[in-house]
Amino acid sequence: MQRFFAIILLTVALAAAPISARGPAPVARAKNSAPNPVAFSVAKPPYQVGIASWYGAWFQGKETTNGEHFNMYAMTAAHRQLPFGTRVKVTNLLNQRSVTLRINDRGPVPASRVIDLSYAAARAIGFYEDGLIPVRIDLVPSH
């Protein structure tokens, strides 16, 4: 019975408390006002870390997704989401060597990989013999 009265007393006390004690009141916005800028200021970092692979001779001369013919000696790469023409800096996380590439194809096919480099790009950062390596991909600002 004492528990019942304690619950009733607590309920009445909370109901009678001033609004400021219950938390902030909702903020009304004008119909055409801009949304809270803080809600949109958090952006993804401009880089990606993951596993890279490379492709070469078997694809030489075949059409890439953007319509170019693949050149295994060009500094190009395939990425699933980045727009064609985007320039990226790819860094081999095992030896810190890096290269700047242009995205001109889609891929890689295995979901466990984030980017496919051309043969020349793989050689430039020292992993063409390994096949797969951990990399960091940074966006290169366009001028």
C-alpha atoms as a PDB file:
ATOM      1  CA  MET A   1       0.000   0.000   0.000  1.00  0.00           C
ATOM      2  CA  GLN A   2       2.876   2.352   0.770  1.00  0.00           C
ATOM      3  CA  ARG A   3       4.315   1.626  -2.684  1.00  0.00           C
ATOM      4  CA  PHE A   4       1.009   2.574  -4.309  1.00  0.00           C
ATOM      5  CA  PHE A   5       0.936   5.935  -2.509  1.00  0.00           C
ATOM      6  CA  ALA A   6       4.592   6.603  -3.404  1.00  0.00           C
ATOM      7  CA  ILE A   7       3.856   6.042  -7.089  1.00  0.00           C
ATOM      8  CA  ILE A   8       0.790   8.320  -6.939  1.00  0.00           C
ATOM      9  CA  LEU A   9       2.770  11.021  -5.132  1.00  0.00           C
ATOM     10  CA  LEU A  10       5.607  10.825  -7.679  1.00  0.00           C
ATOM     11  CA  THR A  11       3.162  11.016 -10.598  1.00  0.00           C
ATOM     12  CA  VAL A  12       1.444  14.098  -9.165  1.00  0.00           C
ATOM     13  CA  ALA A  13       4.797  15.781  -8.445  1.00  0.00           C
ATOM     14  CA  LEU A  14       6.025  15.224 -11.993  1.00  0.00           C
ATOM     15  CA  ALA A  15       2.772  16.466 -13.489  1.00  0.00           C
ATOM     16  CA  ALA A  16       2.951  19.631 -11.409  1.00  0.00           C
ATOM     17  CA  ALA A  17       6.616  20.325 -12.197  1.00  0.00           C
ATOM     18  CA  PRO A  18       7.330  23.354 -14.395  1.00  0.00           C
ATOM     19  CA  ILE A  19       7.978  22.667 -18.083  1.00  0.00           C
ATOM     20  CA  SER A  20      11.676  23.597 -17.775  1.00  0.00           C
ATOM     21  CA  ALA A  21      12.133  20.745 -15.293  1.00  0.00           C
ATOM     22  CA  ARG A  22      10.720  18.283 -17.837  1.00  0.00           C
ATOM     23  CA  GLY A  23      13.268  19.177 -20.528  1.00  0.00           C
ATOM     24  CA  PRO A  24      13.456  21.720 -23.309  1.00  0.00           C
ATOM     25  CA  ALA A  25      10.325  22.665 -25.146  1.00  0.00           C
ATOM     26  CA  PRO A  26      10.224  21.791 -28.840  1.00  0.00           C
ATOM     27  CA  VAL A  27      11.500  24.551 -31.116  1.00  0.00           C
ATOM     28  CA  ALA A  28       9.093  25.730 -33.794  1.00  0.00           C
ATOM     29  CA  ARG A  29      10.498  26.612 -37.215  1.00  0.00           C
ATOM     30  CA  ALA A  30       9.052  28.905 -39.783  1.00  0.00           C
ATOM     31  CA  LYS A  31       7.653  27.071 -42.765  1.00  0.00           C
ATOM     32  CA  ASN A  32      10.456  28.099 -45.183  1.00  0.00           C
ATOM     33  CA  SER A  33      13.344  28.411 -42.724  1.00  0.00           C
ATOM     34  CA  ALA A  34      16.572  26.484 -43.203  1.00  0.00           C
ATOM     35  CA  PRO A  35      17.092  23.295 -41.206  1.00  0.00           C
ATOM     36  CA  ASN A  36      19.426  23.239 -38.230  1.00  0.00           C
ATOM     37  CA  PRO A  37      22.918  23.585 -39.786  1.00  0.00           C
ATOM     38  CA  VAL A  38      24.491  21.367 -37.108  1.00  0.00           C
ATOM     39  CA  ALA A  39      22.458  18.420 -38.356  1.00  0.00           C
ATOM     40  CA  PHE A  40      24.115  18.647 -41.792  1.00  0.00           C
ATOM     41  CA  SER A  41      27.668  19.634 -40.820  1.00  0.00           C
ATOM     42  CA  VAL A  42      28.886  16.111 -40.068  1.00  0.00           C
ATOM     43  CA  ALA A  43      30.366  14.645 -43.258  1.00  0.00           C
ATOM     44  CA  LYS A  44      32.069  11.368 -44.048  1.00  0.00           C
ATOM     45  CA  PRO A  45      35.840  11.639 -44.100  1.00  0.00           C
ATOM     46  CA  PRO A  46      37.164  12.217 -47.635  1.00  0.00           C
ATOM     47  CA  TYR A  47      38.998   8.895 -47.663  1.00  0.00           C
ATOM     48  CA  GLN A  48      38.363   5.161 -47.668  1.00  0.00           C
ATOM     49  CA  VAL A  49      40.440   2.290 -46.298  1.00  0.00           C
ATOM     50  CA  GLY A  50      40.144  -1.261 -47.584  1.00  0.00           C
ATOM     51  CA  ILE A  51      41.611  -3.984 -49.750  1.00  0.00           C
ATOM     52  CA  ALA A  52      42.787  -3.238 -53.289  1.00  0.00           C
ATOM     53  CA  SER A  53      43.348  -5.587 -56.196  1.00  0.00           C
ATOM     54  CA  TRP A  54      44.671  -4.978 -59.708  1.00  0.00           C
ATOM     55  CA  TYR A  55      43.836  -6.008 -63.238  1.00  0.00           C
ATOM     56  CA  GLY A  56      45.962  -6.180 -66.331  1.00  0.00           C
ATOM     57  CA  ALA A  57      46.665  -8.183 -69.484  1.00  0.00           C
ATOM     58  CA  TRP A  58      43.418 -10.139 -69.653  1.00  0.00           C
ATOM     59  CA  PHE A  59      41.459  -6.857 -69.830  1.00  0.00           C
ATOM     60  CA  GLN A  60      43.920  -4.987 -72.092  1.00  0.00           C
ATOM     61  CA  GLY A  61      42.028  -3.168 -74.868  1.00  0.00           C
ATOM     62  CA  LYS A  62      38.572  -4.157 -73.586  1.00  0.00           C
ATOM     63  CA  GLU A  63      35.994  -1.433 -73.094  1.00  0.00           C
ATOM     64  CA  THR A  64      35.732   0.037 -69.594  1.00  0.00           C
ATOM     65  CA  THR A  65      32.422   1.102 -68.112  1.00  0.00           C
ATOM     66  CA  ASN A  66      32.939   4.719 -69.140  1.00  0.00           C
ATOM     67  CA  GLY A  67      33.575   3.682 -72.775  1.00  0.00           C
ATOM     68  CA  GLU A  68      37.376   3.976 -72.886  1.00  0.00           C
ATOM     69  CA  HIS A  69      39.550   1.062 -73.869  1.00  0.00           C
ATOM     70  CA  PHE A  70      41.404  -0.331 -70.859  1.00  0.00           C
ATOM     71  CA  ASN A  71      45.125   0.373 -70.880  1.00  0.00           C
ATOM     72  CA  MET A  72      46.977  -1.616 -68.244  1.00  0.00           C
ATOM     73  CA  TYR A  73      49.887   0.870 -68.483  1.00  0.00           C
ATOM     74  CA  ALA A  74      47.736   3.927 -67.679  1.00  0.00           C
ATOM     75  CA  MET A  75      47.266   5.286 -64.156  1.00  0.00           C
ATOM     76  CA  THR A  76      43.604   4.377 -63.833  1.00  0.00           C
ATOM     77  CA  ALA A  77      41.349   2.460 -61.457  1.00  0.00           C
ATOM     78  CA  ALA A  78      37.893   0.969 -61.028  1.00  0.00           C
ATOM     79  CA  HIS A  79      35.697   2.016 -58.094  1.00  0.00           C
ATOM     80  CA  ARG A  80      32.057   1.180 -57.363  1.00  0.00           C
ATOM     81  CA  GLN A  81      30.738   4.629 -56.412  1.00  0.00           C
ATOM     82  CA  LEU A  82      33.145   7.406 -57.380  1.00  0.00           C
ATOM     83  CA  PRO A  83      32.205   9.339 -60.525  1.00  0.00           C
ATOM     84  CA  PHE A  84      34.235   8.746 -63.680  1.00  0.00           C
ATOM     85  CA  GLY A  85      37.090  11.218 -63.956  1.00  0.00           C
ATOM     86  CA  THR A  86      37.529  11.498 -60.179  1.00  0.00           C
ATOM     87  CA  ARG A  87      41.184  11.641 -59.217  1.00  0.00           C
ATOM     88  CA  VAL A  88      42.283   9.694 -56.156  1.00  0.00           C
ATOM     89  CA  LYS A  89      45.527   9.159 -54.300  1.00  0.00           C
ATOM     90  CA  VAL A  90      45.939   5.478 -53.406  1.00  0.00           C
ATOM     91  CA  THR A  91      48.457   4.652 -50.679  1.00  0.00           C
ATOM     92  CA  ASN A  92      49.810   1.148 -50.050  1.00  0.00           C
ATOM     93  CA  LEU A  93      49.504   0.822 -46.263  1.00  0.00           C
ATOM     94  CA  LEU A  94      52.276  -1.791 -46.136  1.00  0.00           C
ATOM     95  CA  ASN A  95      55.026   0.435 -47.581  1.00  0.00           C
ATOM     96  CA  GLN A  96      53.423   3.940 -47.676  1.00  0.00           C
ATOM     97  CA  ARG A  97      54.040   4.330 -51.429  1.00  0.00           C
ATOM     98  CA  SER A  98      51.271   6.207 -53.222  1.00  0.00           C
ATOM     99  CA  VAL A  99      50.070   7.039 -56.710  1.00  0.00           C
ATOM    100  CA  THR A 100      47.443   9.398 -58.151  1.00  0.00           C
ATOM    101  CA  LEU A 101      44.877   7.713 -60.406  1.00  0.00           C
ATOM    102  CA  ARG A 102      41.789   8.550 -62.450  1.00  0.00           C
ATOM    103  CA  ILE A 103      38.590   6.528 -62.008  1.00  0.00           C
ATOM    104  CA  ASN A 104      37.425   5.213 -65.397  1.00  0.00           C
ATOM    105  CA  ASP A 105      35.746   1.891 -64.624  1.00  0.00           C
ATOM    106  CA  ARG A 106      33.391   0.146 -62.208  1.00  0.00           C
ATOM    107  CA  GLY A 107      34.450  -2.606 -59.882  1.00  0.00           C
ATOM    108  CA  PRO A 108      35.970  -4.455 -58.219  1.00  0.00           C
ATOM    109  CA  VAL A 109      33.548  -7.348 -58.431  1.00  0.00           C
ATOM    110  CA  PRO A 110      34.300  -8.936 -55.021  1.00  0.00           C
ATOM    111  CA  ALA A 111      32.510  -6.915 -52.321  1.00  0.00           C
ATOM    112  CA  SER A 112      35.489  -7.394 -49.981  1.00  0.00           C
ATOM    113  CA  ARG A 113      37.623  -5.056 -52.151  1.00  0.00           C
ATOM    114  CA  VAL A 114      37.294  -1.278 -52.476  1.00  0.00           C
ATOM    115  CA  ILE A 115      39.293  -0.509 -55.630  1.00  0.00           C
ATOM    116  CA  ASP A 116      40.889  -2.228 -58.651  1.00  0.00           C
ATOM    117  CA  LEU A 117      44.080  -0.623 -59.926  1.00  0.00           C
ATOM    118  CA  SER A 118      45.618  -0.898 -63.354  1.00  0.00           C
ATOM    119  CA  TYR A 119      48.766  -3.012 -63.642  1.00  0.00           C
ATOM    120  CA  ALA A 120      50.946   0.134 -63.896  1.00  0.00           C
ATOM    121  CA  ALA A 121      49.406   1.637 -60.755  1.00  0.00           C
ATOM    122  CA  ALA A 122      49.900  -1.611 -58.830  1.00  0.00           C
ATOM    123  CA  ARG A 123      53.577  -1.696 -59.871  1.00  0.00           C
ATOM    124  CA  ALA A 124      54.021   1.958 -58.912  1.00  0.00           C
ATOM    125  CA  ILE A 125      53.011   1.315 -55.308  1.00  0.00           C
ATOM    126  CA  GLY A 126      54.753  -2.039 -55.116  1.00  0.00           C
ATOM    127  CA  PHE A 127      52.075  -4.676 -54.919  1.00  0.00           C
ATOM    128  CA  TYR A 128      51.635  -6.235 -58.345  1.00  0.00           C
ATOM    129  CA  GLU A 129      53.167  -9.510 -57.090  1.00  0.00           C
ATOM    130  CA  ASP A 130      50.985  -9.635 -53.957  1.00  0.00           C
ATOM    131  CA  GLY A 131      47.621  -9.361 -55.697  1.00  0.00           C
ATOM    132  CA  LEU A 132      45.773  -7.865 -52.716  1.00  0.00           C
ATOM    133  CA  ILE A 133      46.899  -5.199 -50.256  1.00  0.00           C
ATOM    134  CA  PRO A 134      45.408  -2.791 -47.717  1.00  0.00           C
ATOM    135  CA  VAL A 135      45.151   0.751 -49.099  1.00  0.00           C
ATOM    136  CA  ARG A 136      43.928   4.196 -48.235  1.00  0.00           C
ATOM    137  CA  ILE A 137      42.064   6.120 -50.940  1.00  0.00           C
ATOM    138  CA  ASP A 138      42.072   9.918 -50.684  1.00  0.00           C
ATOM    139  CA  LEU A 139      40.121  12.225 -52.986  1.00  0.00           C
ATOM    140  CA  VAL A 140      42.351  14.618 -54.907  1.00  0.00           C
ATOM    141  CA  PRO A 141      40.736  18.052 -55.188  1.00  0.00           C
ATOM    142  CA  SER A 142      40.055  19.202 -58.741  1.00  0.00           C
ATOM    143  CA  HIS A 143      41.528  22.532 -59.767  1.00  0.00           C
END
